[in-house]
């Protein structure tokens, strides 16, 4: 298993992974289709360069990823990370890949002096089993506000 940061050199592998994920579990995806051109253009867009995707690759094929970004609070200097997405292809689950992605992510957090990270987690049975094995975490049911400004 190797881990790579999503970039121009591996974007085609990433797109192939997304196509498989979308065909297997379309209800788990945040889009209706894979926007290949959009993805390729976002790779070099400065706005999206603040988001990191770590790809888990096995035999040259992307089988999972974790996507996140860092941000901070100006008032108290607290440094945080938000995990946007974690997904492992169905055929590769229960092999420790998601845990290894979190290890890579946490390594980046430590290197960037991040105080805390969080995510909005899925609450299905499989996800609950996964997150219950984390050490030193709090699983909460926190209400949140969401407002779409543009679709």
N, C-alpha and C. Protein backbone atom coordinates (compact mmCIF):
# COMPACT_ATOMS: atom_id res chain seq x y z
N UNK A 1 0.86 -1.18 0.00
CA UNK A 1 0.00 0.00 0.00
C UNK A 1 0.90 1.23 0.00
N UNK A 2 0.61 2.12 -0.93
CA UNK A 2 1.33 3.40 -0.95
C UNK A 2 0.31 4.52 -0.83
N UNK A 3 0.78 5.66 -0.39
CA UNK A 3 -0.09 6.83 -0.20
C UNK A 3 0.49 7.98 -1.00
N UNK A 4 -0.36 8.66 -1.74
CA UNK A 4 0.05 9.79 -2.56
C UNK A 4 -0.93 10.93 -2.38
N UNK A 5 -0.43 12.13 -2.50
CA UNK A 5 -1.28 13.32 -2.51
C UNK A 5 -1.83 13.46 -3.93
N UNK A 6 -3.12 13.70 -4.05
CA UNK A 6 -3.74 13.91 -5.35
C UNK A 6 -3.06 15.07 -6.07
N UNK A 7 -2.69 14.82 -7.32
CA UNK A 7 -2.03 15.85 -8.14
C UNK A 7 -2.24 15.53 -9.62
N UNK A 8 -1.64 16.32 -10.49
CA UNK A 8 -1.79 16.11 -11.93
C UNK A 8 -1.30 14.75 -12.39
N UNK A 9 -0.31 14.20 -11.71
CA UNK A 9 0.27 12.92 -12.13
C UNK A 9 -0.62 11.72 -11.83
N UNK A 10 -1.49 11.83 -10.84
CA UNK A 10 -2.33 10.68 -10.49
C UNK A 10 -3.83 10.96 -10.60
N UNK A 11 -4.19 12.08 -11.21
CA UNK A 11 -5.61 12.44 -11.29
C UNK A 11 -6.42 11.42 -12.10
N UNK A 12 -5.82 10.82 -13.12
CA UNK A 12 -6.56 9.80 -13.90
C UNK A 12 -6.87 8.58 -13.04
N UNK A 13 -5.94 8.19 -12.18
CA UNK A 13 -6.17 7.07 -11.25
C UNK A 13 -7.30 7.43 -10.28
N UNK A 14 -7.31 8.66 -9.82
CA UNK A 14 -8.34 9.15 -8.91
C UNK A 14 -9.71 9.12 -9.59
N UNK A 15 -9.77 9.56 -10.83
CA UNK A 15 -11.03 9.57 -11.57
C UNK A 15 -11.54 8.14 -11.77
N UNK A 16 -10.65 7.21 -12.08
CA UNK A 16 -11.05 5.80 -12.23
C UNK A 16 -11.64 5.27 -10.92
N UNK A 17 -11.03 5.61 -9.81
CA UNK A 17 -11.53 5.23 -8.48
C UNK A 17 -12.93 5.81 -8.25
N UNK A 18 -13.11 7.09 -8.56
CA UNK A 18 -14.42 7.72 -8.37
C UNK A 18 -15.50 7.05 -9.21
N UNK A 19 -15.17 6.65 -10.41
CA UNK A 19 -16.15 5.98 -11.27
C UNK A 19 -16.60 4.66 -10.64
N UNK A 20 -15.66 3.92 -10.08
CA UNK A 20 -16.02 2.67 -9.41
C UNK A 20 -16.89 2.96 -8.19
N UNK A 21 -16.46 3.91 -7.37
CA UNK A 21 -17.22 4.26 -6.17
C UNK A 21 -18.64 4.70 -6.52
N UNK A 22 -18.76 5.51 -7.56
CA UNK A 22 -20.07 6.01 -7.95
C UNK A 22 -20.96 4.88 -8.48
N UNK A 23 -20.38 3.92 -9.18
CA UNK A 23 -21.19 2.82 -9.71
C UNK A 23 -21.61 1.86 -8.60
N UNK A 24 -20.76 1.70 -7.58
CA UNK A 24 -21.06 0.78 -6.48
C UNK A 24 -22.03 1.35 -5.46
N UNK A 25 -21.83 2.61 -5.09
CA UNK A 25 -22.65 3.21 -4.04
C UNK A 25 -23.01 4.66 -4.39
N UNK A 26 -23.84 4.84 -5.40
CA UNK A 26 -24.18 6.21 -5.82
C UNK A 26 -24.82 7.03 -4.71
N UNK A 27 -25.53 6.38 -3.81
CA UNK A 27 -26.19 7.09 -2.71
C UNK A 27 -25.20 7.61 -1.66
N UNK A 28 -23.97 7.12 -1.69
CA UNK A 28 -22.95 7.57 -0.74
C UNK A 28 -22.12 8.73 -1.30
N UNK A 29 -22.30 9.04 -2.56
CA UNK A 29 -21.50 10.08 -3.22
C UNK A 29 -22.16 11.45 -3.07
N UNK A 30 -21.37 12.49 -3.26
CA UNK A 30 -21.88 13.86 -3.15
C UNK A 30 -22.14 14.48 -4.51
N UNK A 31 -22.07 13.68 -5.56
CA UNK A 31 -22.32 14.17 -6.92
C UNK A 31 -23.11 13.10 -7.68
N UNK A 32 -23.71 13.51 -8.77
CA UNK A 32 -24.49 12.57 -9.59
C UNK A 32 -23.64 11.86 -10.62
N UNK A 33 -22.52 12.49 -10.99
CA UNK A 33 -21.63 11.91 -11.99
C UNK A 33 -20.21 12.39 -11.74
N UNK A 34 -19.26 11.74 -12.37
CA UNK A 34 -17.86 12.13 -12.24
C UNK A 34 -17.59 13.23 -13.28
N UNK A 35 -17.26 14.40 -12.80
CA UNK A 35 -16.98 15.56 -13.65
C UNK A 35 -15.47 15.59 -13.91
N UNK A 36 -15.03 14.83 -14.91
CA UNK A 36 -13.59 14.68 -15.17
C UNK A 36 -12.91 16.02 -15.44
N UNK A 37 -13.48 16.82 -16.31
CA UNK A 37 -12.86 18.11 -16.64
C UNK A 37 -12.83 19.02 -15.43
N UNK A 38 -13.92 19.04 -14.66
CA UNK A 38 -13.96 19.87 -13.46
C UNK A 38 -12.90 19.46 -12.45
N UNK A 39 -12.74 18.15 -12.25
CA UNK A 39 -11.72 17.65 -11.33
C UNK A 39 -10.33 18.07 -11.80
N UNK A 40 -10.06 17.88 -13.08
CA UNK A 40 -8.75 18.23 -13.62
C UNK A 40 -8.46 19.73 -13.48
N UNK A 41 -9.47 20.55 -13.66
CA UNK A 41 -9.24 21.99 -13.53
C UNK A 41 -9.09 22.40 -12.06
N UNK A 42 -9.77 21.70 -11.15
CA UNK A 42 -9.64 22.03 -9.72
C UNK A 42 -8.26 21.68 -9.17
N UNK A 43 -7.57 20.73 -9.79
CA UNK A 43 -6.22 20.35 -9.33
C UNK A 43 -5.30 21.57 -9.30
N UNK A 44 -5.44 22.48 -10.27
CA UNK A 44 -4.55 23.64 -10.34
C UNK A 44 -5.23 24.94 -9.88
N UNK A 45 -6.45 24.85 -9.39
CA UNK A 45 -7.18 26.03 -8.91
C UNK A 45 -6.68 26.38 -7.50
N UNK A 46 -6.19 27.61 -7.28
CA UNK A 46 -5.65 27.98 -5.96
C UNK A 46 -6.65 27.77 -4.82
N UNK A 47 -7.93 27.96 -5.07
CA UNK A 47 -8.92 27.75 -4.02
C UNK A 47 -8.91 26.30 -3.55
N UNK A 48 -8.89 25.36 -4.47
CA UNK A 48 -8.92 23.94 -4.11
C UNK A 48 -7.55 23.41 -3.68
N UNK A 49 -6.50 24.17 -3.89
CA UNK A 49 -5.18 23.75 -3.42
C UNK A 49 -5.08 23.76 -1.91
N UNK A 50 -6.05 24.38 -1.24
CA UNK A 50 -6.07 24.37 0.22
C UNK A 50 -6.68 23.08 0.76
N UNK A 51 -7.19 22.23 -0.13
CA UNK A 51 -7.75 20.94 0.24
C UNK A 51 -6.75 19.86 -0.16
N UNK A 52 -6.53 18.92 0.74
CA UNK A 52 -5.60 17.82 0.48
C UNK A 52 -6.37 16.53 0.38
N UNK A 53 -6.06 15.73 -0.63
CA UNK A 53 -6.60 14.38 -0.75
C UNK A 53 -5.43 13.42 -0.73
N UNK A 54 -5.44 12.51 0.23
CA UNK A 54 -4.45 11.45 0.27
C UNK A 54 -5.10 10.22 -0.35
N UNK A 55 -4.45 9.67 -1.35
CA UNK A 55 -4.95 8.49 -2.05
C UNK A 55 -4.23 7.25 -1.53
N UNK A 56 -4.99 6.21 -1.25
CA UNK A 56 -4.41 4.91 -0.90
C UNK A 56 -4.39 4.09 -2.18
N UNK A 57 -3.19 3.63 -2.57
CA UNK A 57 -3.06 2.88 -3.82
C UNK A 57 -2.51 1.48 -3.55
N UNK A 58 -3.11 0.54 -4.23
CA UNK A 58 -2.65 -0.84 -4.17
C UNK A 58 -2.49 -1.33 -5.59
N UNK A 59 -1.32 -1.82 -5.94
CA UNK A 59 -1.03 -2.28 -7.30
C UNK A 59 -1.35 -1.22 -8.34
N UNK A 60 -1.03 0.03 -8.04
CA UNK A 60 -1.23 1.14 -8.97
C UNK A 60 -2.65 1.65 -9.07
N UNK A 61 -3.55 1.10 -8.30
CA UNK A 61 -4.97 1.45 -8.37
C UNK A 61 -5.39 2.17 -7.08
N UNK A 62 -6.10 3.29 -7.21
CA UNK A 62 -6.62 3.99 -6.03
C UNK A 62 -7.76 3.16 -5.46
N UNK A 63 -7.66 2.84 -4.17
CA UNK A 63 -8.70 2.03 -3.52
C UNK A 63 -9.37 2.77 -2.38
N UNK A 64 -8.82 3.94 -1.99
CA UNK A 64 -9.42 4.73 -0.93
C UNK A 64 -8.81 6.11 -0.89
N UNK A 65 -9.46 6.99 -0.15
CA UNK A 65 -8.93 8.34 -0.01
C UNK A 65 -9.48 8.99 1.23
N UNK A 66 -8.74 9.98 1.71
CA UNK A 66 -9.20 10.87 2.75
C UNK A 66 -8.94 12.29 2.25
N UNK A 67 -9.91 13.15 2.41
CA UNK A 67 -9.79 14.54 1.93
C UNK A 67 -10.04 15.46 3.12
N UNK A 68 -9.21 16.51 3.24
CA UNK A 68 -9.31 17.39 4.40
C UNK A 68 -8.73 18.76 4.08
N UNK A 69 -8.99 19.68 4.99
CA UNK A 69 -8.36 20.99 4.90
C UNK A 69 -8.09 21.54 6.29
N UNK A 70 -7.10 22.41 6.37
CA UNK A 70 -6.72 23.05 7.62
C UNK A 70 -7.30 24.46 7.65
N UNK A 71 -7.58 24.92 8.85
CA UNK A 71 -8.00 26.31 9.04
C UNK A 71 -7.73 26.71 10.48
N UNK A 72 -7.86 27.97 10.77
CA UNK A 72 -7.56 28.42 12.13
C UNK A 72 -8.49 29.49 12.62
N UNK A 73 -8.50 29.65 13.92
CA UNK A 73 -9.29 30.70 14.57
C UNK A 73 -8.36 31.87 14.89
N UNK A 74 -8.65 33.00 14.35
CA UNK A 74 -7.80 34.18 14.53
C UNK A 74 -7.75 34.61 16.00
N UNK A 75 -8.88 34.51 16.70
CA UNK A 75 -8.97 35.01 18.07
C UNK A 75 -8.03 34.28 19.03
N UNK A 76 -8.01 32.95 18.98
CA UNK A 76 -7.22 32.21 19.96
C UNK A 76 -6.06 31.42 19.35
N UNK A 77 -5.90 31.50 18.05
CA UNK A 77 -4.79 30.81 17.39
C UNK A 77 -4.95 29.30 17.29
N UNK A 78 -6.14 28.80 17.58
CA UNK A 78 -6.38 27.36 17.52
C UNK A 78 -6.31 26.90 16.07
N UNK A 79 -5.60 25.81 15.83
CA UNK A 79 -5.40 25.27 14.48
C UNK A 79 -6.20 23.98 14.36
N UNK A 80 -7.06 23.94 13.35
CA UNK A 80 -7.98 22.82 13.20
C UNK A 80 -7.92 22.21 11.81
N UNK A 81 -8.43 21.00 11.72
CA UNK A 81 -8.57 20.33 10.43
C UNK A 81 -9.99 19.78 10.35
N UNK A 82 -10.52 19.83 9.18
CA UNK A 82 -11.84 19.25 8.93
C UNK A 82 -11.67 18.16 7.86
N UNK A 83 -12.13 16.97 8.16
CA UNK A 83 -12.09 15.86 7.21
C UNK A 83 -13.36 15.95 6.37
N UNK A 84 -13.18 16.22 5.08
CA UNK A 84 -14.31 16.36 4.17
C UNK A 84 -14.87 15.01 3.75
N UNK A 85 -13.98 14.01 3.62
CA UNK A 85 -14.43 12.78 2.99
C UNK A 85 -13.45 11.65 3.29
N UNK A 86 -13.98 10.49 3.60
CA UNK A 86 -13.21 9.26 3.73
C UNK A 86 -14.01 8.18 3.02
N UNK A 87 -13.35 7.47 2.12
CA UNK A 87 -14.08 6.44 1.39
C UNK A 87 -13.10 5.38 0.89
N UNK A 88 -13.44 4.13 1.12
CA UNK A 88 -12.67 3.00 0.62
C UNK A 88 -13.62 2.16 -0.23
N UNK A 89 -13.14 1.73 -1.39
CA UNK A 89 -13.95 0.89 -2.27
C UNK A 89 -14.39 -0.37 -1.52
N UNK A 90 -15.59 -0.82 -1.83
CA UNK A 90 -16.19 -1.95 -1.10
C UNK A 90 -15.28 -3.18 -1.05
N UNK A 91 -14.65 -3.52 -2.14
CA UNK A 91 -13.82 -4.73 -2.20
C UNK A 91 -12.57 -4.62 -1.32
N UNK A 92 -12.24 -3.43 -0.85
CA UNK A 92 -11.02 -3.23 -0.07
C UNK A 92 -11.29 -2.88 1.39
N UNK A 93 -12.54 -2.91 1.79
CA UNK A 93 -12.88 -2.58 3.18
C UNK A 93 -12.49 -3.70 4.12
N UNK A 94 -12.36 -3.34 5.39
CA UNK A 94 -12.01 -4.28 6.47
C UNK A 94 -10.60 -4.84 6.30
N UNK A 95 -9.73 -4.04 5.68
CA UNK A 95 -8.33 -4.42 5.50
C UNK A 95 -7.40 -3.38 6.12
N UNK A 96 -7.96 -2.46 6.88
CA UNK A 96 -7.14 -1.46 7.56
C UNK A 96 -6.80 -0.24 6.73
N UNK A 97 -7.36 -0.12 5.54
CA UNK A 97 -6.99 0.99 4.65
C UNK A 97 -7.46 2.33 5.22
N UNK A 98 -8.69 2.40 5.68
CA UNK A 98 -9.19 3.66 6.24
C UNK A 98 -8.38 4.07 7.47
N UNK A 99 -8.03 3.10 8.31
CA UNK A 99 -7.21 3.42 9.47
C UNK A 99 -5.85 3.97 9.03
N UNK A 100 -5.26 3.37 8.00
CA UNK A 100 -3.96 3.84 7.51
C UNK A 100 -4.08 5.24 6.91
N UNK A 101 -5.19 5.52 6.25
CA UNK A 101 -5.42 6.88 5.72
C UNK A 101 -5.47 7.88 6.86
N UNK A 102 -6.13 7.53 7.95
CA UNK A 102 -6.17 8.43 9.11
C UNK A 102 -4.79 8.61 9.72
N UNK A 103 -3.97 7.57 9.73
CA UNK A 103 -2.59 7.71 10.24
C UNK A 103 -1.83 8.71 9.38
N UNK A 104 -1.95 8.61 8.06
CA UNK A 104 -1.27 9.57 7.16
C UNK A 104 -1.79 10.98 7.39
N UNK A 105 -3.09 11.12 7.51
CA UNK A 105 -3.71 12.41 7.77
C UNK A 105 -3.22 12.99 9.10
N UNK A 106 -3.22 12.19 10.17
CA UNK A 106 -2.78 12.67 11.47
C UNK A 106 -1.30 13.05 11.45
N UNK A 107 -0.51 12.35 10.67
CA UNK A 107 0.91 12.71 10.52
C UNK A 107 1.02 14.13 9.94
N UNK A 108 0.20 14.43 8.93
CA UNK A 108 0.20 15.78 8.34
C UNK A 108 -0.29 16.80 9.37
N UNK A 109 -1.27 16.42 10.16
CA UNK A 109 -1.76 17.33 11.21
C UNK A 109 -0.65 17.67 12.20
N UNK A 110 0.08 16.67 12.65
CA UNK A 110 1.17 16.88 13.59
C UNK A 110 2.22 17.80 12.98
N UNK A 111 2.57 17.56 11.71
CA UNK A 111 3.57 18.40 11.04
C UNK A 111 3.11 19.85 10.91
N UNK A 112 1.80 20.07 10.90
CA UNK A 112 1.25 21.41 10.75
C UNK A 112 0.71 21.98 12.07
N UNK A 113 1.10 21.35 13.18
CA UNK A 113 0.71 21.84 14.51
C UNK A 113 -0.80 22.00 14.69
N UNK A 114 -1.55 21.06 14.18
CA UNK A 114 -3.01 21.10 14.30
C UNK A 114 -3.40 20.66 15.70
N UNK A 115 -4.27 21.45 16.35
CA UNK A 115 -4.72 21.14 17.70
C UNK A 115 -5.83 20.09 17.73
N UNK A 116 -6.68 20.10 16.71
CA UNK A 116 -7.87 19.25 16.75
C UNK A 116 -8.37 19.03 15.33
N UNK A 117 -8.98 17.88 15.09
CA UNK A 117 -9.69 17.69 13.83
C UNK A 117 -11.08 17.14 14.11
N UNK A 118 -11.94 17.33 13.15
CA UNK A 118 -13.29 16.81 13.29
C UNK A 118 -13.85 16.48 11.92
N UNK A 119 -14.96 15.78 11.93
CA UNK A 119 -15.66 15.44 10.71
C UNK A 119 -17.12 15.21 11.04
N UNK A 120 -17.95 15.32 10.06
CA UNK A 120 -19.35 14.93 10.19
C UNK A 120 -19.39 13.48 9.73
N UNK A 121 -19.62 12.59 10.65
CA UNK A 121 -19.49 11.17 10.36
C UNK A 121 -20.81 10.55 9.94
N UNK A 122 -20.69 9.52 9.14
CA UNK A 122 -21.85 8.70 8.83
C UNK A 122 -22.24 7.96 10.10
N UNK A 123 -23.50 7.62 10.23
CA UNK A 123 -23.95 6.95 11.44
C UNK A 123 -24.52 5.57 11.15
N UNK A 124 -24.19 5.02 9.99
CA UNK A 124 -24.65 3.66 9.70
C UNK A 124 -23.84 2.68 10.56
N UNK A 125 -24.30 1.45 10.62
CA UNK A 125 -23.69 0.45 11.51
C UNK A 125 -22.20 0.24 11.21
N UNK A 126 -21.85 0.16 9.93
CA UNK A 126 -20.45 -0.06 9.55
C UNK A 126 -19.57 1.12 9.98
N UNK A 127 -20.06 2.33 9.74
CA UNK A 127 -19.30 3.53 10.13
C UNK A 127 -19.16 3.61 11.65
N UNK A 128 -20.23 3.31 12.37
CA UNK A 128 -20.15 3.34 13.83
C UNK A 128 -19.11 2.37 14.35
N UNK A 129 -19.05 1.17 13.81
CA UNK A 129 -18.04 0.19 14.23
C UNK A 129 -16.63 0.73 13.97
N UNK A 130 -16.46 1.37 12.82
CA UNK A 130 -15.15 1.93 12.48
C UNK A 130 -14.74 3.02 13.47
N UNK A 131 -15.60 4.00 13.70
CA UNK A 131 -15.24 5.14 14.54
C UNK A 131 -15.14 4.77 16.02
N UNK A 132 -15.84 3.75 16.46
CA UNK A 132 -15.76 3.33 17.86
C UNK A 132 -14.38 2.79 18.21
N UNK A 133 -13.58 2.41 17.24
CA UNK A 133 -12.24 1.88 17.49
C UNK A 133 -11.18 2.98 17.59
N UNK A 134 -11.55 4.22 17.34
CA UNK A 134 -10.61 5.32 17.47
C UNK A 134 -10.28 5.52 18.95
N UNK A 135 -9.03 5.89 19.23
CA UNK A 135 -8.63 6.20 20.60
C UNK A 135 -8.72 7.71 20.82
N UNK A 136 -9.08 8.07 22.03
CA UNK A 136 -9.10 9.48 22.45
C UNK A 136 -9.99 10.36 21.59
N UNK A 137 -11.18 9.86 21.26
CA UNK A 137 -12.14 10.66 20.49
C UNK A 137 -13.46 10.74 21.25
N UNK A 138 -14.25 11.71 20.85
CA UNK A 138 -15.61 11.85 21.36
C UNK A 138 -16.55 11.71 20.17
N UNK A 139 -17.49 10.77 20.26
CA UNK A 139 -18.52 10.63 19.24
C UNK A 139 -19.74 11.40 19.74
N UNK A 140 -20.11 12.42 19.02
CA UNK A 140 -21.19 13.29 19.46
C UNK A 140 -22.30 13.34 18.43
N UNK A 141 -23.47 13.68 18.90
CA UNK A 141 -24.60 13.98 18.03
C UNK A 141 -24.83 15.48 18.14
N UNK A 142 -24.13 16.23 17.30
CA UNK A 142 -24.14 17.68 17.38
C UNK A 142 -25.01 18.27 16.29
N UNK A 143 -25.96 19.11 16.66
CA UNK A 143 -26.75 19.78 15.61
C UNK A 143 -25.89 20.78 14.87
N UNK A 144 -26.16 20.93 13.60
CA UNK A 144 -25.41 21.91 12.85
C UNK A 144 -26.34 22.62 11.88
N UNK A 145 -25.92 23.77 11.44
CA UNK A 145 -26.68 24.58 10.50
C UNK A 145 -26.01 24.47 9.15
N UNK A 146 -26.81 24.34 8.12
CA UNK A 146 -26.28 24.31 6.76
C UNK A 146 -27.15 25.23 5.91
N UNK A 147 -26.52 26.12 5.18
CA UNK A 147 -27.23 27.01 4.28
C UNK A 147 -26.53 26.99 2.95
N UNK A 148 -27.25 26.64 1.91
CA UNK A 148 -26.68 26.63 0.56
C UNK A 148 -26.82 28.04 -0.02
N UNK A 149 -25.70 28.58 -0.44
CA UNK A 149 -25.68 29.89 -1.09
C UNK A 149 -25.73 29.76 -2.60
N UNK A 150 -25.32 28.59 -3.08
CA UNK A 150 -25.27 28.36 -4.52
C UNK A 150 -25.23 26.85 -4.72
N UNK A 151 -25.97 26.35 -5.65
CA UNK A 151 -25.96 24.90 -5.94
C UNK A 151 -24.94 24.59 -6.99
